[in-house]
Structure formats: C-alpha cells, structure tokens
Amino acid sequence: MLSQFTRLYALIVLFACLIIYLFNQLYHNVVDSGTNYQIDIEQVFQESKNTEVDIISTSSIALPNNLQQELSSGRVIQLVDDQQQHYFYQKNSQGQLLRYGPIDKQFIAQDEDGFYLIIMFYSALAILVLSFIWPLFRDLSRLQKSALQFGQHIDSLNTGIKANSNIYPLAKTFEKMSHQISASVKMHQDLSRTIAHEIRTPLARLKFLSEIVAKDIASEHRQRLVKDVQEIEQLMAEYLSFERLEHDQVMADKQLHNVDDFFAEIADKFSYQKHGIDIVFRSTAAQVYFDQPAMARALQNLINNAIRYAQHTISVQLHIEDGLCHLTVADDGPGVGKEAYKLIQPFIRKQQAGGEKTGFGLGLYIVRKIMIWHQGHVELTNCEQLQGAKISLVWPNKA
C-alpha cells in the first residue's frame, strides 16, 4: 500500500508542477512579454563604448588564484565591495581588465528571491496534495490490514475507520460482511459438530446390533452391512476433517525433520493393512522442513488413494530441486484423465472403469489445504515409469 501511495503522490505533484510551469511560461510569453528583458553580462563587455565599462589596472585588486584563473580564461567574475555594490570583471583580448558596475544589490537579488519563492510555492503545493491523499491511503491501509486479518482468521472485524473518512461506507460494508460470514461459519461449524455427535450414537447401536444378528443372516448380507457401517464412519471422519480444514486458518509449524524416520513411521502404519500392494519409499534428501503431523496426514491420504487404483506397486519419493521439496506418490494404476485438477476440489470423486465412484472427494482437497499451509501446491500428472497416476507435493524447503 505504501508503494502505491508513493507513486500516486509523486504523479499528482509532478502533474501539478507541470501545469503550473506551463501556465507560467504562457503568462510570460503572452501577457508579460513586453515588460521583462534579460541581457547576458558578457554582451555588456563586448560593447567597448559602454560608459559603465572601465579599464582598470590588474594590480588595483587582489584576487585569489582561483579567480585569477577564471579571469585568465576569459570568464566573467562578480565581486562585492564594502558598500555592498556589485561589480563584474573580465579580461579582454589585449589583457586589459574591464570592470562593469556598480549594480544595485536589490536588482541582483531579485532573481534569487524569485527562485526561493518558487521553491516555497512548490513545497506548499506538495504539502497540500499530501494533506488530501494521505488520509485516504491511511484508511485504505487499515482496510487492507483488516482484510488480511479476516483472511487469516474468520471473525467479526472493526476497522476503526472514522465516519468522516472518504471510504467509511466501504469500511462499514466490509464490517457488516465480516459479521455475516463469521456468523454463517460459526453456525456451519456448530451444525457439523451436532450432526457428527448425533450420528455416532445410532451408528454405535447399529454396529452393536449387527454383531448380534450376524449369525442369523446370510454372509453376503452381513458383509454388506459391515461395509455400509464402515462407509458411514469413513464419511463422518473425512467430513469432520474437511470441516476443520475449511474453517481453521493456521500456518504450518515447519521444522527440520529426518526423512528416513518420517518414511519409516508412515510405512509402519500401512504394514498392518492387507492390501497386497508393495509400497516403496525413497529419498535423496536427509532432512527437510515441513509440519510433521500435517504432512503425515497428506501423505497417508495420497497413499490411501493410490491403494484404491494401484495393481502391484506404489512409489513414494522425495527430493529437493532449486530449494523446493518434491514429495511424489505414483502408482501403476489407470492414471489420471484430462480433468485431473478437478479432483482436488471438495466432493469431486473419480469414477472407476465400471462407473462406480470411490471415496468421498475430500482426500485430495485436504492435501491441497495442507500444501497451502506450507506455501506450496499440488501437481497431478501421469508417471512415465509406472504408467499410473503421479501426485506431487511441492513446497519451499525453509522454516
């Protein structure tokens, strides 16, 4: 905001100075052209018959070396005597010292007074322009800070902009909008927690009853019942995670972590799952900066997605290139289509070959949110080696 203010202020001042300068030139050329005359002092010395030009002896005045050199080079010098009278001196081609004067001090100082008057006028103009635009940019800066604060933490705001400000209506509209959004978000959070709490109770009863009647129903119906219960539990867990990530505004606590230890922890979590997929972890970096809980969550989501589509192998690799960390998860499944980036939006699900949709469309969105916390991004491509999907997490390797 300060740079925009500086540019606008400089532009207005320069534009005003240009207009005043052009008006001044027009006035002198048209209105005041017959009253002012200027003659170069050297032209006076060129007229040898001028009665006010005297020839004096070079020994009659004592001059320092620098002024002696000025005279020897043919230049005009100006001296002031004890009566504050101004004289001009020059040596002619015959080596004679010519003197012109005396000239009244007021006549000489007239141009200097005009110069200082112009400086004072333009300074006053600059201060006047500053007094007009500075309050506007001050209030805009406050509004910008309030907007950034609202983006980091959604809550009702008070911008503190006074009623006499030019942007007061805009500030009040922004405050009203923040109140409405904050109330809507709070209501949504309360509703999500209530629904999740209310679902847990009947879901627990359903699981208990399913175990009781399991021996009395067919195997295929029992499996179907267990799968439906697990699907409801997964949906509830993913939705609660989505709700927290959507409304919680946090910054990643990035610290230096050992990559081998991190991969070992993730591999241990998947070693107990009977998925029949070989998960290979590789890294060319020993230590990198990331938020360990958030990155573990993101990597588990990517591996879980890959398990749904992979046939035999999942490759997890991490390397650093140009100061950026690249964590990739690739599989030997069918790969991603042309509209792959739609999958990182919430509740967008990919269809399998038979038309069946998998997951709930929240896993990749959560990963994308975690990357935003790390000031990074998500890339969705196809892996050349495994011929399947390849999802890369890219973020700066710094705290």
Protein backbone atom coordinates (compact mmCIF):
# COMPACT_ATOMS: atom_id res chain seq x y z
CA MET A 1 0.00 0.00 0.00
CA LEU A 2 2.88 2.39 0.77
CA SER A 3 4.38 1.93 -2.70
CA GLN A 4 1.02 2.69 -4.37
CA PHE A 5 0.67 5.81 -2.23
CA THR A 6 4.18 6.99 -3.13
CA ARG A 7 3.58 6.51 -6.86
CA LEU A 8 0.23 8.30 -6.82
CA TYR A 9 1.56 11.14 -4.68
CA ALA A 10 4.58 11.68 -6.94
CA LEU A 11 2.37 11.57 -10.04
CA ILE A 12 -0.05 14.16 -8.69
CA VAL A 13 2.72 16.51 -7.56
CA LEU A 14 4.60 16.24 -10.87
CA PHE A 15 1.40 16.75 -12.84
CA ALA A 16 0.51 19.84 -10.78
CA CYS A 17 4.03 21.26 -11.16
CA LEU A 18 3.92 20.70 -14.91
CA ILE A 19 0.60 22.53 -15.24
CA ILE A 20 1.85 25.47 -13.16
CA TYR A 21 5.11 25.62 -15.13
CA LEU A 22 3.32 25.63 -18.47
CA PHE A 23 0.89 28.29 -17.25
CA ASN A 24 3.82 30.41 -16.04
CA GLN A 25 5.56 30.11 -19.42
CA LEU A 26 2.36 31.02 -21.22
CA TYR A 27 1.87 34.07 -18.98
CA HIS A 28 5.39 35.39 -19.57
CA ASN A 29 5.23 34.82 -23.32
CA VAL A 30 1.77 36.29 -23.89
CA VAL A 31 0.88 38.66 -21.06
CA ASP A 32 4.22 39.82 -19.68
CA SER A 33 6.33 39.62 -22.84
CA GLY A 34 6.84 43.42 -23.13
CA THR A 35 7.97 44.20 -19.61
CA ASN A 36 10.91 41.87 -18.90
CA TYR A 37 14.27 41.91 -20.65
CA GLN A 38 17.36 39.86 -19.95
CA ILE A 39 20.85 40.64 -21.26
CA ASP A 40 23.87 38.40 -20.80
CA ILE A 41 26.59 40.19 -18.81
CA GLU A 42 29.20 39.07 -21.36
CA GLN A 43 27.33 41.04 -24.05
CA VAL A 44 27.89 44.20 -21.98
CA PHE A 45 31.66 43.75 -22.14
CA GLN A 46 31.52 43.22 -25.88
CA GLU A 47 30.42 46.89 -26.29
CA SER A 48 33.65 48.80 -25.75
CA LYS A 49 31.83 52.16 -25.91
CA ASN A 50 29.65 51.35 -22.91
CA THR A 51 30.18 54.22 -20.43
CA GLU A 52 29.84 51.90 -17.44
CA VAL A 53 32.70 49.63 -18.58
CA ASP A 54 36.01 50.85 -17.13
CA ILE A 55 39.55 49.73 -17.85
CA ILE A 56 41.40 49.31 -14.56
CA SER A 57 44.84 48.14 -13.57
CA THR A 58 45.22 44.47 -12.74
CA SER A 59 47.24 45.46 -9.68
CA SER A 60 44.39 47.56 -8.25
CA ILE A 61 42.62 44.49 -6.88
CA ALA A 62 43.98 41.42 -5.16
CA LEU A 63 42.34 38.18 -6.18
CA PRO A 64 42.87 34.59 -5.07
CA ASN A 65 44.36 32.12 -7.51
CA ASN A 66 41.08 30.53 -8.50
CA LEU A 67 39.57 33.89 -9.50
CA GLN A 68 42.80 34.84 -11.31
CA GLN A 69 42.45 31.65 -13.35
CA GLU A 70 38.82 32.50 -14.11
CA LEU A 71 39.85 35.90 -15.46
CA SER A 72 42.79 34.47 -17.43
CA SER A 73 40.41 32.05 -19.16
CA GLY A 74 38.19 34.99 -20.29
CA ARG A 75 35.32 34.35 -17.91
CA VAL A 76 33.32 36.97 -16.01
CA ILE A 77 33.58 37.14 -12.23
CA GLN A 78 31.40 39.02 -9.73
CA LEU A 79 32.73 40.90 -6.67
CA VAL A 80 31.06 42.93 -3.89
CA ASP A 81 32.79 45.95 -2.27
CA ASP A 82 32.41 47.34 1.27
CA GLN A 83 29.28 49.29 0.29
CA GLN A 84 27.64 46.09 -0.93
CA GLN A 85 27.89 47.26 -4.53
CA HIS A 86 28.21 44.53 -7.17
CA TYR A 87 30.91 44.73 -9.90
CA PHE A 88 31.65 42.41 -12.82
CA TYR A 89 35.17 41.88 -14.17
CA GLN A 90 36.59 40.38 -17.39
CA LYS A 91 39.88 40.46 -19.28
CA ASN A 92 39.73 41.39 -22.95
CA SER A 93 41.89 40.01 -25.74
CA GLN A 94 44.58 42.66 -25.09
CA GLY A 95 44.95 41.53 -21.48
CA GLN A 96 43.19 44.61 -20.09
CA LEU A 97 40.95 44.24 -17.03
CA LEU A 98 37.42 45.53 -17.69
CA ARG A 99 35.00 46.41 -14.89
CA TYR A 100 31.25 46.88 -15.15
CA GLY A 101 29.25 48.43 -12.33
CA PRO A 102 28.25 49.26 -9.74
CA ILE A 103 24.87 47.46 -9.78
CA ASP A 104 22.25 47.82 -7.05
CA LYS A 105 22.02 44.81 -4.69
CA GLN A 106 18.23 44.70 -4.92
CA PHE A 107 18.40 44.28 -8.66
CA ILE A 108 20.80 41.36 -8.31
CA ALA A 109 18.79 39.65 -5.59
CA GLN A 110 15.56 39.92 -7.49
CA ASP A 111 16.11 36.63 -9.29
CA GLU A 112 17.23 34.87 -6.09
CA ASP A 113 14.09 35.99 -4.28
CA GLY A 114 12.01 34.69 -7.16
CA PHE A 115 13.81 31.34 -7.01
CA TYR A 116 13.16 30.93 -3.29
CA LEU A 117 9.57 31.99 -3.80
CA ILE A 118 9.11 29.27 -6.42
CA ILE A 119 10.65 26.66 -4.10
CA MET A 120 8.31 27.71 -1.30
CA PHE A 121 5.31 27.63 -3.61
CA TYR A 122 6.00 24.12 -4.90
CA SER A 123 6.73 22.89 -1.37
CA ALA A 124 3.40 24.27 -0.19
CA LEU A 125 1.72 22.62 -3.16
CA ALA A 126 3.29 19.26 -2.28
CA ILE A 127 2.16 19.57 1.34
CA LEU A 128 -1.36 20.50 0.21
CA VAL A 129 -1.59 17.45 -2.05
CA LEU A 130 -0.22 15.28 0.77
CA SER A 131 -2.88 16.54 3.17
CA PHE A 132 -5.58 15.48 0.70
CA ILE A 133 -4.44 11.98 -0.28
CA TRP A 134 -2.64 10.77 2.87
CA PRO A 135 -5.83 10.28 4.95
CA LEU A 136 -7.34 8.28 2.08
CA PHE A 137 -4.36 5.94 1.82
CA ARG A 138 -4.09 5.66 5.60
CA ASP A 139 -7.68 4.41 5.77
CA LEU A 140 -7.15 2.12 2.78
CA SER A 141 -4.11 0.66 4.52
CA ARG A 142 -6.20 -0.04 7.62
CA LEU A 143 -8.85 -1.69 5.49
CA GLN A 144 -6.21 -3.82 3.76
CA LYS A 145 -4.80 -4.98 7.12
CA SER A 146 -8.32 -5.82 8.28
CA ALA A 147 -8.90 -7.85 5.11
CA LEU A 148 -5.66 -9.78 5.64
CA GLN A 149 -6.58 -10.40 9.26
CA PHE A 150 -10.01 -11.63 8.19
CA GLY A 151 -8.38 -13.98 5.67
CA GLN A 152 -6.15 -15.49 8.36
CA HIS A 153 -8.89 -15.83 10.96
CA ILE A 154 -12.57 -15.50 10.09
CA ASP A 155 -14.12 -13.34 12.79
CA SER A 156 -16.13 -10.14 13.12
CA LEU A 157 -13.93 -7.12 12.46
CA ASN A 158 -13.87 -3.47 13.47
CA THR A 159 -11.76 -1.49 11.02
CA GLY A 160 -11.62 1.63 13.23
CA ILE A 161 -12.21 3.95 10.26
CA LYS A 162 -13.94 7.18 11.33
CA ALA A 163 -17.23 8.45 9.90
CA ASN A 164 -15.57 11.46 8.22
CA SER A 165 -13.37 9.22 6.07
CA ASN A 166 -13.99 9.04 2.33
CA ILE A 167 -14.09 5.24 2.47
CA TYR A 168 -16.29 5.00 5.56
CA PRO A 169 -19.24 3.47 3.60
CA LEU A 170 -16.88 0.84 2.16
CA ALA A 171 -15.46 0.08 5.62
CA LYS A 172 -18.92 -0.31 7.14
CA THR A 173 -19.95 -2.64 4.31
CA PHE A 174 -16.82 -4.72 4.93
CA GLU A 175 -17.54 -4.88 8.66
CA LYS A 176 -21.14 -5.96 8.00
CA MET A 177 -19.93 -8.62 5.57
CA SER A 178 -17.42 -9.95 8.15
CA HIS A 179 -20.18 -10.20 10.77
CA GLN A 180 -22.43 -12.16 8.39
CA ILE A 181 -19.69 -14.51 7.21
CA SER A 182 -18.47 -15.10 10.76
CA ALA A 183 -21.98 -15.92 11.94
CA SER A 184 -22.54 -18.25 8.97
CA VAL A 185 -19.25 -20.09 9.56
CA LYS A 186 -19.97 -20.49 13.27
CA MET A 187 -23.44 -21.84 12.52
CA HIS A 188 -21.97 -24.28 9.99
CA GLN A 189 -19.35 -25.48 12.49
CA ASP A 190 -21.96 -25.96 15.21
CA LEU A 191 -24.21 -27.81 12.80
CA SER A 192 -21.37 -30.10 11.69
CA ARG A 193 -20.43 -30.95 15.27
CA THR A 194 -24.07 -31.58 16.17
CA ILE A 195 -24.64 -33.86 13.20
CA ALA A 196 -21.42 -35.78 13.87
CA HIS A 197 -22.36 -36.20 17.53
CA GLU A 198 -25.90 -37.30 16.72
CA ILE A 199 -24.70 -39.80 14.10
CA ARG A 200 -22.25 -41.50 16.49
CA THR A 201 -24.99 -42.72 18.83
CA PRO A 202 -27.24 -44.53 16.31
CA LEU A 203 -24.14 -45.73 14.46
CA ALA A 204 -22.81 -47.35 17.63
CA ARG A 205 -26.19 -49.03 18.17
CA LEU A 206 -26.19 -50.22 14.57
CA LYS A 207 -22.73 -51.78 14.94
CA PHE A 208 -23.78 -53.48 18.18
CA LEU A 209 -26.97 -54.89 16.64
CA SER A 210 -25.14 -56.01 13.51
CA GLU A 211 -22.82 -58.13 15.65
CA ILE A 212 -25.80 -59.66 17.47
CA VAL A 213 -27.72 -60.62 14.32
CA ALA A 214 -24.62 -61.51 12.30
CA LYS A 215 -25.03 -65.24 12.94
CA ASP A 216 -28.68 -65.18 11.90
CA ILE A 217 -28.24 -63.56 8.47
CA ALA A 218 -26.56 -64.64 5.27
CA SER A 219 -22.84 -63.99 4.85
CA GLU A 220 -23.30 -61.65 1.90
CA HIS A 221 -25.82 -59.54 3.83
CA ARG A 222 -23.54 -59.46 6.85
CA GLN A 223 -20.63 -58.24 4.70
CA ARG A 224 -22.85 -55.66 3.08
CA LEU A 225 -23.95 -54.38 6.49
CA VAL A 226 -20.38 -54.17 7.80
CA LYS A 227 -19.26 -52.33 4.64
CA ASP A 228 -22.10 -49.81 4.94
CA VAL A 229 -21.27 -49.10 8.58
CA GLN A 230 -17.59 -48.61 7.72
CA GLU A 231 -18.54 -46.30 4.87
CA ILE A 232 -20.65 -44.14 7.19
CA GLU A 233 -17.76 -43.97 9.69
CA GLN A 234 -15.30 -43.02 6.95
CA LEU A 235 -17.62 -40.36 5.56
CA MET A 236 -18.13 -38.86 9.00
CA ALA A 237 -14.39 -38.82 9.73
CA GLU A 238 -13.49 -37.26 6.38
CA TYR A 239 -16.23 -34.67 6.62
CA LEU A 240 -15.12 -33.61 10.10
CA SER A 241 -11.56 -33.32 8.82
CA PHE A 242 -12.81 -31.30 5.86
CA GLU A 243 -14.83 -29.01 8.14
CA ARG A 244 -11.86 -28.29 10.38
CA LEU A 245 -9.51 -27.64 7.46
CA GLU A 246 -12.04 -25.46 5.69
CA HIS A 247 -12.56 -23.08 8.58
CA ASP A 248 -9.42 -23.32 10.70
CA GLN A 249 -6.88 -20.77 9.47
CA VAL A 250 -3.45 -22.00 10.55
CA MET A 251 0.14 -21.66 9.45
CA ALA A 252 2.26 -24.78 9.22
CA ASP A 253 4.79 -25.21 12.02
CA LYS A 254 7.63 -26.14 9.69
CA GLN A 255 10.64 -27.70 11.38
CA LEU A 256 13.63 -29.71 10.19
CA HIS A 257 12.76 -33.44 10.18
CA ASN A 258 14.66 -36.59 9.27
CA VAL A 259 13.11 -38.02 6.11
CA ASP A 260 14.03 -41.68 6.81
CA ASP A 261 12.38 -41.56 10.23
CA PHE A 262 9.30 -39.91 8.74
CA PHE A 263 9.01 -42.53 5.98
CA ALA A 264 9.53 -45.33 8.50
CA GLU A 265 6.64 -44.04 10.59
CA ILE A 266 4.33 -43.89 7.56
CA ALA A 267 5.42 -47.32 6.33
CA ASP A 268 4.72 -48.81 9.75
CA LYS A 269 1.12 -47.57 9.63
CA PHE A 270 0.48 -49.33 6.31
CA SER A 271 2.34 -52.53 7.22
CA TYR A 272 -0.70 -53.85 9.11
CA GLN A 273 -3.11 -53.35 6.21
CA LYS A 274 -3.80 -56.29 3.95
CA HIS A 275 -3.88 -54.51 0.62
CA GLY A 276 -1.39 -56.64 -1.32
CA ILE A 277 0.41 -53.57 -2.70
CA ASP A 278 4.17 -53.07 -2.46
CA ILE A 279 4.87 -49.52 -1.15
CA VAL A 280 8.44 -48.37 -1.85
CA PHE A 281 9.90 -45.31 -0.07
CA ARG A 282 12.94 -43.47 -1.46
CA SER A 283 14.57 -40.12 -0.65
CA THR A 284 17.66 -38.26 -1.85
CA ALA A 285 17.39 -35.72 0.96
CA ALA A 286 18.31 -36.49 4.55
CA GLN A 287 16.42 -33.65 6.24
CA VAL A 288 13.74 -31.21 5.04
CA TYR A 289 11.43 -28.62 6.55
CA PHE A 290 7.74 -29.49 6.99
CA ASP A 291 4.95 -29.72 9.55
CA GLN A 292 5.18 -33.38 10.59
CA PRO A 293 1.54 -34.05 11.66
CA ALA A 294 0.08 -32.21 8.66
CA MET A 295 2.49 -33.80 6.14
CA ALA A 296 1.86 -37.27 7.60
CA ARG A 297 -1.83 -36.72 7.08
CA ALA A 298 -1.34 -35.57 3.50
CA LEU A 299 0.96 -38.49 2.62
CA GLN A 300 -1.42 -41.04 4.15
CA ASN A 301 -4.28 -39.60 2.10
CA LEU A 302 -2.23 -39.92 -1.09
CA ILE A 303 -1.19 -43.48 -0.31
CA ASN A 304 -4.77 -44.45 0.54
CA ASN A 305 -5.91 -43.03 -2.79
CA ALA A 306 -3.15 -44.90 -4.61
CA ILE A 307 -4.09 -48.18 -2.93
CA ARG A 308 -7.59 -47.92 -4.48
CA TYR A 309 -6.18 -47.87 -8.02
CA ALA A 310 -2.72 -49.48 -7.90
CA GLN A 311 -2.24 -53.03 -9.14
CA HIS A 312 1.10 -54.02 -7.63
CA THR A 313 3.36 -51.05 -6.74
CA ILE A 314 3.23 -47.62 -5.14
CA SER A 315 6.33 -45.42 -5.25
CA VAL A 316 6.89 -42.66 -2.67
CA GLN A 317 9.87 -40.40 -3.40
CA LEU A 318 11.24 -37.16 -2.01
CA HIS A 319 13.93 -34.91 -3.46
CA ILE A 320 14.97 -31.26 -3.36
CA GLU A 321 15.33 -29.19 -6.52
CA ASP A 322 16.04 -25.42 -6.67
CA GLY A 323 15.19 -25.04 -2.98
CA LEU A 324 11.82 -26.79 -3.36
CA CYS A 325 10.82 -30.10 -1.78
CA HIS A 326 9.14 -32.56 -4.17
CA LEU A 327 7.22 -35.39 -2.48
CA THR A 328 5.64 -37.66 -5.11
CA VAL A 329 3.31 -40.63 -4.82
CA ALA A 330 2.99 -42.71 -8.01
CA ASP A 331 1.20 -45.97 -8.77
CA ASP A 332 0.78 -48.47 -11.61
CA GLY A 333 -2.98 -47.94 -11.89
CA PRO A 334 -5.03 -46.40 -14.72
CA GLY A 335 -3.61 -42.90 -14.20
CA VAL A 336 -5.42 -39.54 -14.23
CA GLY A 337 -7.55 -38.11 -17.01
CA LYS A 338 -7.62 -34.73 -18.74
CA GLU A 339 -9.69 -33.14 -15.98
CA ALA A 340 -7.45 -34.35 -13.17
CA TYR A 341 -7.27 -31.00 -11.39
CA LYS A 342 -11.00 -31.12 -10.69
CA LEU A 343 -10.22 -33.92 -8.23
CA ILE A 344 -8.60 -31.51 -5.76
CA GLN A 345 -11.95 -29.74 -5.32
CA PRO A 346 -14.14 -30.92 -2.43
CA PHE A 347 -16.70 -33.68 -3.08
CA ILE A 348 -15.38 -34.39 -6.61
CA ARG A 349 -14.88 -38.15 -6.97
CA LYS A 350 -13.23 -40.22 -9.66
CA GLN A 351 -15.17 -42.98 -11.38
CA GLN A 352 -13.69 -46.42 -11.84
CA ALA A 353 -13.96 -48.40 -15.05
CA GLY A 354 -17.34 -49.89 -14.07
CA GLY A 355 -18.82 -46.44 -13.34
CA GLU A 356 -18.53 -46.83 -9.55
CA LYS A 357 -17.28 -43.77 -7.68
CA THR A 358 -14.66 -44.24 -4.98
CA GLY A 359 -14.09 -42.27 -1.80
CA PHE A 360 -15.95 -39.09 -0.91
CA GLY A 361 -13.96 -36.46 -2.79
CA LEU A 362 -12.25 -35.00 0.27
CA GLY A 363 -8.82 -36.67 0.41
CA LEU A 364 -7.07 -34.60 -2.26
CA TYR A 365 -8.79 -31.42 -1.08
CA ILE A 366 -7.32 -31.94 2.39
CA VAL A 367 -3.90 -32.50 0.80
CA ARG A 368 -4.24 -29.25 -1.16
CA LYS A 369 -5.19 -27.37 2.00
CA ILE A 370 -2.10 -28.70 3.79
CA MET A 371 0.05 -27.56 0.87
CA ILE A 372 -1.43 -24.07 1.12
CA TRP A 373 -0.32 -24.03 4.77
CA HIS A 374 3.20 -24.91 3.55
CA GLN A 375 3.12 -22.15 0.86
CA GLY A 376 3.21 -24.93 -1.75
CA HIS A 377 0.99 -26.56 -4.37
CA VAL A 378 -0.19 -29.92 -5.70
CA GLU A 379 0.65 -31.31 -9.17
CA LEU A 380 -1.36 -34.13 -10.80
CA THR A 381 0.27 -35.93 -13.74
CA ASN A 382 0.88 -39.48 -15.02
CA CYS A 383 4.02 -41.41 -14.11
CA GLU A 384 6.20 -42.45 -17.07
CA GLN A 385 7.82 -45.33 -15.18
CA LEU A 386 4.77 -46.94 -13.55
CA GLN A 387 2.25 -45.75 -16.19
CA GLY A 388 -0.19 -44.71 -13.47
CA ALA A 389 -1.10 -41.58 -11.55
CA LYS A 390 1.60 -39.35 -10.09
CA ILE A 391 0.74 -36.74 -7.46
CA SER A 392 3.48 -34.34 -6.37
CA LEU A 393 3.55 -32.06 -3.33
CA VAL A 394 5.88 -29.08 -3.83
CA TRP A 395 6.79 -26.58 -1.09
CA PRO A 396 9.78 -24.36 -0.14
CA ASN A 397 12.45 -26.06 1.92
CA LYS A 398 12.66 -23.42 4.61
CA ALA A 399 11.19 -22.74 8.02
